[in-house]
C-alpha cells in the first residue's frame, strides 16, 4: 500500500495514537518553595569608618558592591574564584575574599579596604611604608590584597611566627615580583610594629614643645 494514500495516513495516525497511550505520563514539575519573600535586602555596615546603608540583591557579591556601588575600585577582581587574593578586604579585622562574600552577609560588619589604610594627607601605615621601601610590587594588581593581609598580620596581639606569615601570604598570587620583595616588606612592617624581640613596639615619644 502506498503510505501517501489516505488509507496509509490513517494507519500511521492510529499507530501514533497507540504509541502515545503506551508512553508513560510525564511527571509534574515541582518547583522548590522560595526561602525568602524578596530578593532585596537592607544592609547597614561600616566601610573604612564611614556608615553605609544600602539596598542590595541577595546575589550581589561584596566585590561588586564595593567597586560598582561605592566606587572603591582599589579592591581588585582577578580570578573571581577566591584563589588569587587580589580582592582581599578586612571584615571585622579578618582578611576575607570579597569575590566569595555576598554583600548581604556583611550586614552589621566593619569593613576596611585599601582606600582606608592611609587617607589623603595622612601618613602611610607601616605596611605601606615597608612595601614602598622594599619595592614589594611591580604591576600593582595584586598589591591591595597583600596590603590588607599584611595589615591584619601587624594587628595581632603577638608577632606572627614565620610559618604563620608564610601561610597568610600563600593565599595571594603575584606574577611579577617572585615574592622575595613582598616577604621582605612584610618582615619590615612586622619589625616596625613588634620590634626585633617580637613585642609590640612602643609609640615614639613626642619631641619637646609638642
N, C-alpha and C. Protein backbone atom coordinates (compact mmCIF):
# COMPACT_ATOMS: atom_id res chain seq x y z
N UNK A 1 0.86 -1.19 0.00
CA UNK A 1 0.00 0.00 0.00
C UNK A 1 0.89 1.23 0.00
N UNK A 2 0.49 2.22 -0.76
CA UNK A 2 1.24 3.45 -0.82
C UNK A 2 1.04 4.21 0.48
N UNK A 3 2.13 4.53 1.21
CA UNK A 3 1.96 5.22 2.50
C UNK A 3 1.41 6.62 2.36
N UNK A 4 1.42 7.17 1.12
CA UNK A 4 0.91 8.53 0.94
C UNK A 4 -0.58 8.57 0.68
N UNK A 5 -1.20 7.41 0.51
CA UNK A 5 -2.66 7.36 0.29
C UNK A 5 -3.37 7.68 1.58
N UNK A 6 -4.63 8.13 1.47
CA UNK A 6 -5.38 8.42 2.69
C UNK A 6 -5.42 7.25 3.65
N UNK A 7 -5.51 6.02 3.10
CA UNK A 7 -5.56 4.86 3.98
C UNK A 7 -4.27 4.73 4.77
N UNK A 8 -3.15 4.94 4.06
CA UNK A 8 -1.87 4.83 4.75
C UNK A 8 -1.71 5.90 5.81
N UNK A 9 -2.21 7.09 5.53
CA UNK A 9 -2.11 8.18 6.51
C UNK A 9 -2.92 7.87 7.74
N UNK A 10 -4.10 7.35 7.56
CA UNK A 10 -4.93 6.99 8.71
C UNK A 10 -4.27 5.91 9.53
N UNK A 11 -3.62 4.97 8.85
CA UNK A 11 -2.95 3.89 9.58
C UNK A 11 -1.83 4.44 10.45
N UNK A 12 -1.07 5.40 9.89
CA UNK A 12 0.03 5.97 10.67
C UNK A 12 -0.52 6.76 11.84
N UNK A 13 -1.63 7.50 11.65
CA UNK A 13 -2.20 8.27 12.75
C UNK A 13 -2.67 7.35 13.86
N UNK A 14 -3.25 6.22 13.48
CA UNK A 14 -3.71 5.28 14.50
C UNK A 14 -2.54 4.72 15.28
N UNK A 15 -1.45 4.41 14.58
CA UNK A 15 -0.27 3.87 15.27
C UNK A 15 0.33 4.90 16.22
N UNK A 16 0.35 6.15 15.76
CA UNK A 16 0.89 7.20 16.62
C UNK A 16 0.04 7.41 17.86
N UNK A 17 -1.29 7.30 17.70
CA UNK A 17 -2.17 7.45 18.85
C UNK A 17 -1.95 6.33 19.85
N UNK A 18 -1.74 5.10 19.33
CA UNK A 18 -1.50 3.97 20.22
C UNK A 18 -0.19 4.15 20.97
N UNK A 19 0.87 4.65 20.26
CA UNK A 19 2.16 4.87 20.93
C UNK A 19 2.03 5.93 22.01
N UNK A 20 1.21 6.95 21.77
CA UNK A 20 1.03 8.00 22.76
C UNK A 20 0.37 7.47 24.02
N UNK A 21 -0.58 6.52 23.83
CA UNK A 21 -1.23 5.93 25.00
C UNK A 21 -0.27 5.04 25.76
N UNK A 22 0.63 4.36 25.06
CA UNK A 22 1.57 3.46 25.73
C UNK A 22 2.69 4.21 26.44
N UNK A 23 3.00 5.47 26.02
CA UNK A 23 4.11 6.21 26.64
C UNK A 23 3.74 6.58 28.07
N UNK A 24 4.73 6.53 28.99
CA UNK A 24 4.45 6.90 30.38
C UNK A 24 4.12 8.38 30.50
N UNK A 25 3.27 8.70 31.42
CA UNK A 25 2.88 10.09 31.63
C UNK A 25 4.04 10.88 32.20
N UNK A 26 4.23 12.12 31.73
CA UNK A 26 5.31 12.98 32.23
C UNK A 26 5.04 13.38 33.67
N UNK A 27 6.10 13.36 34.49
CA UNK A 27 5.96 13.74 35.88
C UNK A 27 5.77 15.24 35.99
N UNK A 28 4.95 15.68 36.88
CA UNK A 28 4.75 17.13 37.04
C UNK A 28 6.03 17.79 37.56
N UNK A 29 6.31 18.99 37.09
CA UNK A 29 7.49 19.74 37.53
C UNK A 29 7.18 20.37 38.88
N UNK A 30 8.03 20.06 39.84
CA UNK A 30 7.84 20.59 41.18
C UNK A 30 8.93 21.63 41.46
N UNK A 31 8.54 22.86 41.66
CA UNK A 31 9.48 23.92 41.96
C UNK A 31 9.69 24.01 43.47
N UNK A 32 10.94 24.16 43.90
CA UNK A 32 11.17 24.29 45.35
C UNK A 32 10.56 25.59 45.86
N UNK A 33 10.07 25.59 47.06
CA UNK A 33 9.46 26.82 47.60
C UNK A 33 10.52 27.89 47.80
N UNK A 34 10.12 29.14 47.63
CA UNK A 34 11.04 30.25 47.88
C UNK A 34 11.35 30.34 49.36
N UNK A 35 12.61 30.56 49.67
CA UNK A 35 13.02 30.65 51.08
C UNK A 35 13.00 32.09 51.57
N UNK A 36 12.79 33.05 50.69
CA UNK A 36 12.72 34.44 51.12
C UNK A 36 11.65 35.14 50.30
N UNK A 37 11.06 36.13 50.89
CA UNK A 37 9.96 36.82 50.23
C UNK A 37 10.44 37.87 49.24
N UNK A 38 11.69 38.28 49.35
CA UNK A 38 12.20 39.32 48.47
C UNK A 38 13.65 39.06 48.14
N UNK A 39 14.08 39.46 46.93
CA UNK A 39 15.47 39.31 46.55
C UNK A 39 16.31 40.51 46.92
N UNK A 40 15.74 41.50 47.60
CA UNK A 40 16.46 42.69 48.02
C UNK A 40 16.49 42.79 49.53
N UNK A 41 17.60 43.30 50.04
CA UNK A 41 17.78 43.38 51.49
C UNK A 41 18.42 44.72 51.86
N UNK A 42 18.03 45.23 52.98
CA UNK A 42 18.65 46.44 53.52
C UNK A 42 19.85 46.03 54.37
N UNK A 43 21.00 46.63 54.11
CA UNK A 43 22.20 46.34 54.88
C UNK A 43 22.73 47.64 55.47
N UNK A 44 23.25 47.52 56.66
CA UNK A 44 23.89 48.64 57.34
C UNK A 44 25.26 48.15 57.80
N UNK A 45 26.29 48.84 57.37
CA UNK A 45 27.64 48.43 57.71
C UNK A 45 28.54 49.64 57.76
N UNK A 46 29.77 49.40 58.18
CA UNK A 46 30.78 50.45 58.21
C UNK A 46 31.85 50.11 57.19
N UNK A 47 32.20 51.07 56.34
CA UNK A 47 33.24 50.88 55.34
C UNK A 47 34.29 51.96 55.54
N UNK A 48 35.47 51.53 55.94
CA UNK A 48 36.57 52.46 56.22
C UNK A 48 36.17 53.53 57.23
N UNK A 49 35.38 53.11 58.21
CA UNK A 49 34.98 54.01 59.28
C UNK A 49 33.74 54.83 59.00
N UNK A 50 33.23 54.79 57.80
CA UNK A 50 32.04 55.57 57.45
C UNK A 50 30.81 54.67 57.42
N UNK A 51 29.69 55.11 57.98
CA UNK A 51 28.47 54.29 57.95
C UNK A 51 27.89 54.24 56.54
N UNK A 52 27.43 53.06 56.14
CA UNK A 52 26.85 52.86 54.82
C UNK A 52 25.53 52.11 54.98
N UNK A 53 24.49 52.61 54.35
CA UNK A 53 23.19 51.95 54.30
C UNK A 53 22.82 51.78 52.84
N UNK A 54 22.41 50.57 52.46
CA UNK A 54 22.11 50.33 51.05
C UNK A 54 21.12 49.19 50.92
N UNK A 55 20.47 49.14 49.77
CA UNK A 55 19.62 48.02 49.38
C UNK A 55 20.42 47.16 48.40
N UNK A 56 20.56 45.88 48.71
CA UNK A 56 21.38 45.00 47.87
C UNK A 56 20.58 43.76 47.50
N UNK A 57 20.89 43.22 46.34
CA UNK A 57 20.28 41.96 45.93
C UNK A 57 20.93 40.81 46.69
N UNK A 58 20.20 39.72 46.80
CA UNK A 58 20.73 38.55 47.50
C UNK A 58 22.01 38.04 46.86
N UNK A 59 22.10 38.12 45.53
CA UNK A 59 23.22 37.54 44.82
C UNK A 59 24.39 38.49 44.61
N UNK A 60 24.28 39.74 45.08
CA UNK A 60 25.32 40.73 44.83
C UNK A 60 26.58 40.40 45.61
N UNK A 61 27.71 40.28 44.92
CA UNK A 61 28.98 40.00 45.57
C UNK A 61 29.50 41.25 46.26
N UNK A 62 30.23 41.04 47.34
CA UNK A 62 30.81 42.17 48.05
C UNK A 62 31.78 42.94 47.16
N UNK A 63 32.55 42.24 46.35
CA UNK A 63 33.49 42.92 45.45
C UNK A 63 32.76 43.85 44.49
N UNK A 64 31.62 43.41 43.95
CA UNK A 64 30.85 44.26 43.05
C UNK A 64 30.20 45.42 43.81
N UNK A 65 29.78 45.15 45.03
CA UNK A 65 29.19 46.22 45.84
C UNK A 65 30.21 47.32 46.11
N UNK A 66 31.43 46.92 46.48
CA UNK A 66 32.47 47.90 46.78
C UNK A 66 32.88 48.67 45.54
N UNK A 67 33.08 47.98 44.44
CA UNK A 67 33.59 48.61 43.23
C UNK A 67 32.51 49.41 42.47
N UNK A 68 31.35 48.80 42.29
CA UNK A 68 30.33 49.41 41.44
C UNK A 68 29.39 50.35 42.20
N UNK A 69 29.05 49.99 43.42
CA UNK A 69 28.11 50.81 44.17
C UNK A 69 28.82 51.90 44.98
N UNK A 70 29.93 51.55 45.61
CA UNK A 70 30.64 52.53 46.45
C UNK A 70 31.83 53.16 45.74
N UNK A 71 32.15 52.69 44.54
CA UNK A 71 33.26 53.23 43.74
C UNK A 71 34.60 53.10 44.45
N UNK A 72 34.76 52.07 45.26
CA UNK A 72 36.05 51.79 45.91
C UNK A 72 36.77 50.76 45.04
N UNK A 73 37.39 51.25 43.97
CA UNK A 73 37.97 50.36 42.97
C UNK A 73 39.36 49.89 43.33
N UNK A 74 39.85 50.25 44.51
CA UNK A 74 41.14 49.71 44.94
C UNK A 74 41.09 48.22 45.20
N UNK A 75 39.91 47.70 45.49
CA UNK A 75 39.72 46.25 45.63
C UNK A 75 39.67 45.66 44.24
N UNK A 76 40.70 44.92 43.88
CA UNK A 76 40.80 44.39 42.52
C UNK A 76 40.13 43.03 42.41
N UNK A 77 39.62 42.73 41.24
CA UNK A 77 38.97 41.44 40.96
C UNK A 77 39.82 40.72 39.93
N UNK A 78 40.34 39.57 40.32
CA UNK A 78 41.19 38.80 39.43
C UNK A 78 40.53 37.53 38.96
N UNK A 79 40.70 36.46 39.74
CA UNK A 79 40.22 35.14 39.32
C UNK A 79 38.73 34.97 39.54
N UNK A 80 38.15 35.69 40.50
CA UNK A 80 36.75 35.56 40.89
C UNK A 80 36.40 34.16 41.38
N UNK A 81 37.41 33.44 41.84
CA UNK A 81 37.21 32.11 42.43
C UNK A 81 37.83 32.00 43.82
N UNK A 82 38.29 33.11 44.38
CA UNK A 82 38.90 33.08 45.70
C UNK A 82 40.30 32.51 45.72
N UNK A 83 40.98 32.49 44.60
CA UNK A 83 42.30 31.87 44.52
C UNK A 83 43.42 32.90 44.56
N UNK A 84 43.27 34.00 43.81
CA UNK A 84 44.40 34.92 43.63
C UNK A 84 44.60 35.86 44.81
N UNK A 85 43.55 36.17 45.54
CA UNK A 85 43.69 37.03 46.72
C UNK A 85 43.67 38.52 46.44
N UNK A 86 43.54 38.94 45.17
CA UNK A 86 43.58 40.36 44.84
C UNK A 86 42.41 41.13 45.44
N UNK A 87 41.31 40.46 45.71
CA UNK A 87 40.10 41.13 46.19
C UNK A 87 39.99 41.13 47.71
N UNK A 88 41.06 40.80 48.41
CA UNK A 88 41.01 40.65 49.86
C UNK A 88 40.70 41.98 50.55
N UNK A 89 39.77 41.94 51.47
CA UNK A 89 39.44 43.08 52.34
C UNK A 89 39.41 42.56 53.77
N UNK A 90 39.28 43.47 54.71
CA UNK A 90 39.16 43.07 56.12
C UNK A 90 37.70 43.22 56.55
N UNK A 91 37.13 42.13 57.02
CA UNK A 91 35.78 42.14 57.57
C UNK A 91 35.89 41.86 59.06
N UNK A 92 35.57 42.87 59.85
CA UNK A 92 35.77 42.78 61.30
C UNK A 92 37.20 42.36 61.61
N UNK A 93 38.15 42.99 60.90
CA UNK A 93 39.60 42.83 61.10
C UNK A 93 40.14 41.48 60.63
N UNK A 94 39.34 40.71 59.92
CA UNK A 94 39.78 39.39 59.43
C UNK A 94 39.84 39.44 57.91
N UNK A 95 40.96 39.02 57.29
CA UNK A 95 41.03 39.02 55.82
C UNK A 95 39.98 38.09 55.23
N UNK A 96 39.33 38.56 54.17
CA UNK A 96 38.29 37.77 53.50
C UNK A 96 38.31 38.08 52.02
N UNK A 97 37.92 37.08 51.22
CA UNK A 97 37.81 37.26 49.78
C UNK A 97 36.48 37.92 49.46
N UNK A 98 36.52 39.11 48.93
CA UNK A 98 35.27 39.81 48.64
C UNK A 98 34.56 39.22 47.42
N UNK A 99 35.29 38.45 46.59
CA UNK A 99 34.64 37.84 45.43
C UNK A 99 33.87 36.58 45.81
N UNK A 100 34.06 36.09 47.03
CA UNK A 100 33.32 34.92 47.51
C UNK A 100 32.33 35.28 48.61
N UNK A 101 32.24 36.55 48.94
CA UNK A 101 31.37 37.01 50.02
C UNK A 101 30.21 37.79 49.43
N UNK A 102 29.03 37.51 49.89
CA UNK A 102 27.85 38.26 49.47
C UNK A 102 27.75 39.54 50.28
N UNK A 103 27.31 40.60 49.63
CA UNK A 103 27.18 41.87 50.33
C UNK A 103 26.20 41.77 51.49
N UNK A 104 25.16 40.98 51.32
CA UNK A 104 24.16 40.86 52.37
C UNK A 104 24.73 40.18 53.62
N UNK A 105 25.80 39.41 53.46
CA UNK A 105 26.43 38.77 54.61
C UNK A 105 27.16 39.76 55.51
N UNK A 106 27.42 40.95 55.00
CA UNK A 106 28.19 41.94 55.75
C UNK A 106 27.32 42.91 56.54
N UNK A 107 26.05 42.63 56.63
CA UNK A 107 25.16 43.48 57.41
C UNK A 107 25.65 43.54 58.86
N UNK A 108 25.91 44.75 59.34
CA UNK A 108 26.39 44.94 60.71
C UNK A 108 27.89 44.81 60.88
N UNK A 109 28.62 44.55 59.81
CA UNK A 109 30.06 44.33 59.90
C UNK A 109 30.83 45.64 59.68
N UNK A 110 32.10 45.61 60.07
CA UNK A 110 33.01 46.72 59.82
C UNK A 110 34.01 46.28 58.76
N UNK A 111 33.99 46.97 57.62
CA UNK A 111 34.86 46.61 56.50
C UNK A 111 35.98 47.63 56.36
N UNK A 112 37.12 47.13 55.93
CA UNK A 112 38.23 48.01 55.57
C UNK A 112 38.77 47.58 54.22
N UNK A 113 38.96 48.55 53.35
CA UNK A 113 39.57 48.30 52.05
C UNK A 113 40.90 49.03 52.00
N UNK A 114 41.61 48.87 50.89
CA UNK A 114 42.92 49.50 50.77
C UNK A 114 42.79 51.02 50.82
N UNK A 115 41.65 51.57 50.42
CA UNK A 115 41.47 53.02 50.49
C UNK A 115 41.46 53.53 51.92
N UNK A 116 41.17 52.66 52.89
CA UNK A 116 41.11 53.09 54.27
C UNK A 116 42.42 53.02 55.02
N UNK A 117 43.49 52.58 54.37
CA UNK A 117 44.77 52.46 55.07
C UNK A 117 45.38 53.83 55.34
N UNK A 118 45.50 54.64 54.34
CA UNK A 118 46.05 55.99 54.50
C UNK A 118 45.22 56.94 53.65
N UNK A 119 44.54 57.86 54.31
CA UNK A 119 43.71 58.82 53.59
C UNK A 119 44.59 59.96 53.05
N UNK A 120 44.01 60.78 52.22
CA UNK A 120 44.74 61.93 51.70
C UNK A 120 45.23 62.82 52.84
N UNK A 121 46.53 63.09 52.84
CA UNK A 121 47.10 63.97 53.85
C UNK A 121 47.52 63.27 55.12
N UNK A 122 47.29 61.94 55.22
CA UNK A 122 47.70 61.20 56.41
C UNK A 122 48.92 60.35 56.08
N UNK A 123 49.77 60.08 57.08
CA UNK A 123 50.98 59.29 56.81
C UNK A 123 50.64 57.87 56.37
N UNK A 124 51.57 57.29 55.62
CA UNK A 124 51.42 55.89 55.23
C UNK A 124 51.50 55.00 56.47
N UNK A 125 50.84 53.87 56.42
CA UNK A 125 50.93 52.91 57.51
C UNK A 125 52.26 52.18 57.45
N UNK A 126 52.66 51.49 58.51
CA UNK A 126 53.91 50.73 58.46
C UNK A 126 53.96 49.74 57.31
N UNK A 127 52.83 49.12 56.98
CA UNK A 127 52.80 48.16 55.87
C UNK A 127 53.03 48.88 54.55
N UNK A 128 52.38 50.00 54.35
CA UNK A 128 52.56 50.74 53.10
C UNK A 128 53.98 51.27 52.97
N UNK A 129 54.54 51.77 54.07
CA UNK A 129 55.93 52.26 54.02
C UNK A 129 56.88 51.12 53.67
N UNK A 130 56.64 49.96 54.26
CA UNK A 130 57.53 48.82 54.00
C UNK A 130 57.43 48.37 52.55
N UNK A 131 56.23 48.32 51.99
CA UNK A 131 56.09 47.93 50.58
C UNK A 131 56.75 48.95 49.67
N UNK A 132 56.70 50.22 50.05
CA UNK A 132 57.35 51.26 49.25
C UNK A 132 58.87 51.13 49.35
N UNK A 133 59.39 50.95 50.56
CA UNK A 133 60.84 50.87 50.76
C UNK A 133 61.43 49.64 50.10
N UNK A 134 60.75 48.50 50.25
CA UNK A 134 61.26 47.22 49.72
C UNK A 134 60.83 46.98 48.28
N UNK A 135 60.08 47.91 47.73
CA UNK A 135 59.54 47.76 46.37
C UNK A 135 58.81 46.41 46.25
N UNK A 136 57.88 46.20 47.17
CA UNK A 136 57.13 44.94 47.18
C UNK A 136 55.99 44.93 46.19
N UNK A 137 56.24 45.40 45.00
CA UNK A 137 55.20 45.46 43.97
C UNK A 137 55.87 45.64 42.62
N UNK A 138 55.11 45.39 41.59
CA UNK A 138 55.59 45.69 40.24
C UNK A 138 54.43 46.25 39.43
N UNK A 139 53.57 45.38 38.90
CA UNK A 139 52.42 45.94 38.17
C UNK A 139 51.39 46.51 39.13
N UNK A 140 51.34 46.01 40.37
CA UNK A 140 50.46 46.56 41.39
C UNK A 140 49.08 45.95 41.46
N UNK A 141 48.75 45.03 40.56
CA UNK A 141 47.39 44.50 40.57
C UNK A 141 47.11 43.69 41.84
N UNK A 142 48.08 42.93 42.30
CA UNK A 142 47.88 42.09 43.48
C UNK A 142 48.12 42.85 44.78
N UNK A 143 48.69 44.07 44.69
CA UNK A 143 49.15 44.78 45.88
C UNK A 143 48.05 45.06 46.90
N UNK A 144 46.85 45.51 46.53
CA UNK A 144 45.84 45.78 47.55
C UNK A 144 45.54 44.57 48.44
N UNK A 145 45.46 43.40 47.84
CA UNK A 145 45.19 42.21 48.64
C UNK A 145 46.32 41.91 49.61
N UNK A 146 47.57 42.01 49.13
CA UNK A 146 48.72 41.81 50.01
C UNK A 146 48.72 42.81 51.16
N UNK A 147 48.42 44.07 50.85
CA UNK A 147 48.43 45.10 51.88
C UNK A 147 47.41 44.81 52.97
N UNK A 148 46.24 44.33 52.60
CA UNK A 148 45.21 44.07 53.60
C UNK A 148 45.57 42.88 54.48
N UNK A 149 46.11 41.83 53.86
CA UNK A 149 46.52 40.68 54.67
C UNK A 149 47.68 41.04 55.58
N UNK A 150 48.65 41.79 55.05
CA UNK A 150 49.79 42.21 55.87
C UNK A 150 49.35 43.12 57.00
N UNK A 151 48.36 43.97 56.73
CA UNK A 151 47.83 44.83 57.80
C UNK A 151 47.23 44.00 58.92
N UNK A 152 46.49 42.96 58.57
CA UNK A 152 45.92 42.08 59.60
C UNK A 152 47.03 41.39 60.40
N UNK A 153 48.13 41.04 59.75
CA UNK A 153 49.24 40.41 60.46
C UNK A 153 49.85 41.36 61.49
N UNK A 154 49.91 42.65 61.16
CA UNK A 154 50.52 43.61 62.09
C UNK A 154 49.58 44.01 63.22
N UNK A 155 48.36 43.54 63.19
CA UNK A 155 47.39 43.90 64.23
C UNK A 155 47.10 42.77 65.20
N UNK A 156 47.91 41.72 65.15
CA UNK A 156 47.72 40.60 66.07
C UNK A 156 48.29 40.95 67.45
N UNK A 157 47.76 40.32 68.52
CA UNK A 157 48.27 40.63 69.86
C UNK A 157 49.77 40.34 69.99
N UNK A 158 50.25 39.30 69.34
CA UNK A 158 51.67 38.96 69.35
C UNK A 158 52.15 38.82 67.92
N UNK A 159 53.46 38.97 67.75
CA UNK A 159 54.01 38.88 66.40
C UNK A 159 53.77 37.49 65.83
N UNK A 160 53.21 37.42 64.62
CA UNK A 160 53.01 36.11 63.99
C UNK A 160 54.35 35.42 63.73
N UNK A 161 54.34 34.11 63.81
CA UNK A 161 55.55 33.34 63.55
C UNK A 161 55.82 33.29 62.05
N UNK A 162 57.02 32.84 61.71
CA UNK A 162 57.37 32.70 60.31
C UNK A 162 56.40 31.82 59.54
N UNK A 163 56.07 30.62 60.06
CA UNK A 163 55.08 29.78 59.35
C UNK A 163 53.72 30.43 59.24
N UNK A 164 53.31 31.21 60.26
CA UNK A 164 52.01 31.88 60.18
C UNK A 164 52.01 32.95 59.08
N UNK A 165 53.12 33.67 58.96
CA UNK A 165 53.23 34.67 57.91
C UNK A 165 53.21 34.00 56.54
N UNK A 166 53.99 32.92 56.41
CA UNK A 166 54.03 32.21 55.13
C UNK A 166 52.67 31.67 54.75
N UNK A 167 51.93 31.17 55.73
CA UNK A 167 50.60 30.63 55.45
C UNK A 167 49.65 31.74 55.01
N UNK A 168 49.74 32.90 55.64
CA UNK A 168 48.86 34.01 55.26
C UNK A 168 49.17 34.51 53.86
N UNK A 169 50.45 34.62 53.54
CA UNK A 169 50.82 35.11 52.21
C UNK A 169 50.59 34.08 51.11
N UNK A 170 50.48 32.81 51.48
CA UNK A 170 50.26 31.78 50.46
C UNK A 170 48.89 31.91 49.80
N UNK A 171 48.02 32.69 50.40
CA UNK A 171 46.70 32.89 49.81
C UNK A 171 46.67 33.98 48.75
N UNK A 172 47.85 34.44 48.33
CA UNK A 172 47.92 35.50 47.33
C UNK A 172 48.86 35.08 46.20
N UNK A 173 48.48 35.46 44.99
CA UNK A 173 49.30 35.17 43.82
C UNK A 173 49.86 36.47 43.27
N UNK A 174 51.17 36.43 42.93
CA UNK A 174 51.82 37.56 42.27
C UNK A 174 52.59 37.00 41.09
N UNK A 175 52.39 37.58 39.92
CA UNK A 175 53.03 37.08 38.71
C UNK A 175 54.23 37.94 38.30
N UNK A 176 54.64 38.87 39.16
CA UNK A 176 55.71 39.80 38.77
C UNK A 176 56.96 39.70 39.64
N UNK A 177 56.78 39.74 40.96
CA UNK A 177 57.93 40.01 41.84
C UNK A 177 58.71 38.77 42.26
N UNK A 178 58.12 37.60 42.15
CA UNK A 178 58.79 36.42 42.70
C UNK A 178 58.67 36.32 44.20
N UNK A 179 57.89 37.21 44.84
CA UNK A 179 57.54 37.18 46.27
C UNK A 179 58.67 37.61 47.20
N UNK A 180 59.91 37.66 46.75
CA UNK A 180 61.01 37.96 47.67
C UNK A 180 60.84 39.34 48.28
N UNK A 181 60.59 40.34 47.46
CA UNK A 181 60.45 41.69 48.00
C UNK A 181 59.17 41.85 48.81
N UNK A 182 58.15 41.08 48.49
CA UNK A 182 56.92 41.12 49.28
C UNK A 182 57.17 40.57 50.67
N UNK A 183 57.85 39.45 50.74
CA UNK A 183 58.18 38.88 52.06
C UNK A 183 59.07 39.82 52.86
N UNK A 184 60.01 40.47 52.18
CA UNK A 184 60.87 41.44 52.87
C UNK A 184 60.06 42.60 53.42
N UNK A 185 59.10 43.06 52.64
CA UNK A 185 58.25 44.17 53.09
C UNK A 185 57.43 43.79 54.31
N UNK A 186 56.88 42.59 54.31
CA UNK A 186 56.08 42.15 55.46
C UNK A 186 56.96 42.02 56.69
N UNK A 187 58.16 41.48 56.54
CA UNK A 187 59.08 41.37 57.69
C UNK A 187 59.42 42.74 58.24
N UNK A 188 59.67 43.70 57.34
CA UNK A 188 59.99 45.04 57.80
C UNK A 188 58.83 45.66 58.55
N UNK A 189 57.60 45.48 58.06
CA UNK A 189 56.43 46.02 58.74
C UNK A 189 56.25 45.37 60.11
N UNK A 190 56.51 44.08 60.19
CA UNK A 190 56.40 43.39 61.49
C UNK A 190 57.48 43.87 62.44
N UNK A 191 58.70 44.08 61.94
CA UNK A 191 59.77 44.60 62.79
C UNK A 191 59.41 45.97 63.34
N UNK A 192 58.84 46.82 62.50
CA UNK A 192 58.47 48.16 62.95
C UNK A 192 57.33 48.11 63.96
N UNK A 193 56.43 47.16 63.79
CA UNK A 193 55.26 47.09 64.67
C UNK A 193 55.59 46.41 65.99
N UNK A 194 56.32 45.30 65.94
CA UNK A 194 56.55 44.49 67.13
C UNK A 194 57.96 44.62 67.70
N UNK A 195 58.89 45.17 66.93
CA UNK A 195 60.27 45.22 67.36
C UNK A 195 60.97 43.90 67.08
N UNK A 196 62.28 43.94 67.18
CA UNK A 196 63.06 42.75 66.87
C UNK A 196 62.82 41.62 67.84
N UNK A 197 62.39 41.95 69.09
CA UNK A 197 62.19 40.91 70.09
C UNK A 197 60.80 40.31 70.03
N UNK A 198 59.98 40.78 69.08
CA UNK A 198 58.66 40.20 68.93
C UNK A 198 57.59 40.86 69.75
N UNK A 199 57.95 41.84 70.58
CA UNK A 199 56.95 42.55 71.36
C UNK A 199 56.51 43.80 70.63
N UNK A 200 55.29 44.24 70.91
CA UNK A 200 54.77 45.42 70.22
C UNK A 200 55.65 46.61 70.50
N UNK A 201 56.08 47.27 69.45
CA UNK A 201 56.96 48.42 69.60
C UNK A 201 56.20 49.57 70.24
N UNK A 202 56.91 50.27 71.13
CA UNK A 202 56.29 51.40 71.81
C UNK A 202 56.19 52.59 70.85
N UNK A 203 55.15 53.37 71.04
CA UNK A 203 54.99 54.57 70.20
C UNK A 203 56.09 55.56 70.51
N UNK A 204 56.64 56.26 69.52
CA UNK A 204 57.71 57.21 69.78
C UNK A 204 57.23 58.35 70.66
N UNK A 205 58.11 58.79 71.58
CA UNK A 205 57.77 59.88 72.48
C UNK A 205 57.76 61.19 71.71
N UNK A 206 56.81 62.05 71.99
CA UNK A 206 56.77 63.34 71.27
C UNK A 206 57.96 64.20 71.65
N UNK A 207 58.39 65.01 70.70
CA UNK A 207 59.51 65.90 70.96
C UNK A 207 59.07 67.02 71.89
N UNK A 208 60.04 67.65 72.54
CA UNK A 208 59.73 68.73 73.45
C UNK A 208 59.07 69.88 72.69
N UNK A 209 58.09 70.46 73.33
CA UNK A 209 57.39 71.56 72.71
C UNK A 209 56.14 71.15 71.97
N UNK A 210 55.94 69.83 71.79
CA UNK A 210 54.74 69.38 71.09
C UNK A 210 53.58 69.27 72.07
